[in-house]
Amino acid sequence: MEELKRITPGEAESYTQLSIYDPNVCTRAVAFTLYPSSTANPAGSPWEEVTYYGNPDYSIDRYPLEIMLEEWKMLSNRDPGNLTG
């Protein structure tokens, strides 16, 4: 698994920005940037907002376990070749 790395806004141009509402953001994110937040922190220290990025050539349609289950089903449905006769 690739480690999440912090990148600069300039480096972010070579990545695909991900939505935090994307159900696959946790598996697709490979980088992030932090920006000063316009929301005031009641504790006094400034907050930062995070933006997650993924590789532009990486896409995930299904979880790995779904792929494995599909392969298992295909193998278990094979004709075992035991002919009676």
Protein backbone atom coordinates (compact mmCIF):
# COMPACT_ATOMS: atom_id res chain seq x y z
CA MET A 1 0.00 0.00 0.00
CA GLU A 2 1.33 3.39 -0.99
CA GLU A 3 1.96 5.91 1.80
CA LEU A 4 -0.07 9.12 1.70
CA LYS A 5 2.29 12.04 1.02
CA ARG A 6 1.93 15.77 1.40
CA ILE A 7 2.39 17.69 -1.86
CA THR A 8 2.56 21.34 -2.83
CA PRO A 9 -0.23 23.08 -4.77
CA GLY A 10 2.08 23.07 -7.80
CA GLU A 11 2.57 19.31 -7.58
CA ALA A 12 -1.19 18.83 -7.23
CA GLU A 13 -1.63 19.70 -10.93
CA SER A 14 -0.33 16.24 -11.89
CA TYR A 15 -2.89 14.46 -9.68
CA THR A 16 -6.66 14.02 -9.80
CA GLN A 17 -8.54 15.83 -7.04
CA LEU A 18 -10.83 13.51 -5.07
CA SER A 19 -14.11 14.34 -3.38
CA ILE A 20 -14.27 13.63 0.34
CA TYR A 21 -17.74 12.23 -0.33
CA ASP A 22 -16.39 9.62 -2.77
CA PRO A 23 -16.88 6.21 -1.10
CA ASN A 24 -13.46 5.13 -2.41
CA VAL A 25 -11.48 8.19 -1.28
CA CYS A 26 -9.67 6.12 1.37
CA THR A 27 -8.40 3.60 -1.16
CA ARG A 28 -7.69 6.03 -4.01
CA ALA A 29 -5.90 8.86 -2.15
CA VAL A 30 -2.12 8.92 -2.60
CA ALA A 31 -1.43 12.57 -1.75
CA PHE A 32 -2.89 15.58 0.06
CA THR A 33 -2.47 19.34 0.41
CA LEU A 34 -3.31 21.60 3.35
CA TYR A 35 -4.72 25.11 2.99
CA PRO A 36 -5.45 27.71 5.68
CA SER A 37 -9.11 27.56 6.66
CA SER A 38 -11.40 30.57 6.63
CA THR A 39 -13.28 29.08 9.59
CA ALA A 40 -12.12 30.42 12.93
CA ASN A 41 -11.01 27.89 15.53
CA PRO A 42 -12.54 28.62 18.94
CA ALA A 43 -9.33 27.41 20.61
CA GLY A 44 -7.36 30.14 18.83
CA SER A 45 -4.90 28.16 16.68
CA PRO A 46 -5.57 28.32 12.93
CA TRP A 47 -7.25 25.36 11.21
CA GLU A 48 -6.24 23.91 7.88
CA GLU A 49 -8.42 22.29 5.24
CA VAL A 50 -7.26 19.15 3.48
CA THR A 51 -7.69 18.20 -0.17
CA TYR A 52 -7.00 14.60 -1.22
CA TYR A 53 -5.57 13.56 -4.58
CA GLY A 54 -5.30 10.31 -6.51
CA ASN A 55 -3.21 9.21 -9.45
CA PRO A 56 -4.85 10.21 -12.73
CA ASP A 57 -4.30 6.75 -14.22
CA TYR A 58 -5.66 4.87 -11.18
CA SER A 59 -9.30 3.97 -10.98
CA ILE A 60 -11.09 1.49 -8.75
CA ASP A 61 -14.44 0.11 -9.75
CA ARG A 62 -14.70 -2.60 -7.14
CA TYR A 63 -13.08 -3.57 -3.87
CA PRO A 64 -10.40 -6.30 -4.05
CA LEU A 65 -12.60 -8.78 -2.16
CA GLU A 66 -15.34 -8.35 -4.77
CA ILE A 67 -12.87 -9.26 -7.51
CA MET A 68 -11.66 -12.30 -5.55
CA LEU A 69 -15.25 -13.46 -4.95
CA GLU A 70 -16.04 -13.19 -8.65
CA GLU A 71 -12.94 -15.24 -9.54
CA TRP A 72 -13.85 -17.86 -6.92
CA LYS A 73 -17.38 -18.14 -8.32
CA MET A 74 -16.02 -18.65 -11.82
CA LEU A 75 -13.67 -21.41 -10.62
CA SER A 76 -16.34 -23.15 -8.53
CA ASN A 77 -18.78 -23.23 -11.47
CA ARG A 78 -16.33 -25.11 -13.69
CA ASP A 79 -17.15 -28.58 -14.90
CA PRO A 80 -14.98 -30.93 -12.80
CA GLY A 81 -14.71 -33.31 -15.75
CA ASN A 82 -15.98 -36.34 -13.85
CA LEU A 83 -18.13 -38.05 -16.45
CA THR A 84 -20.18 -41.04 -15.37
CA GLY A 85 -20.40 -43.88 -17.65
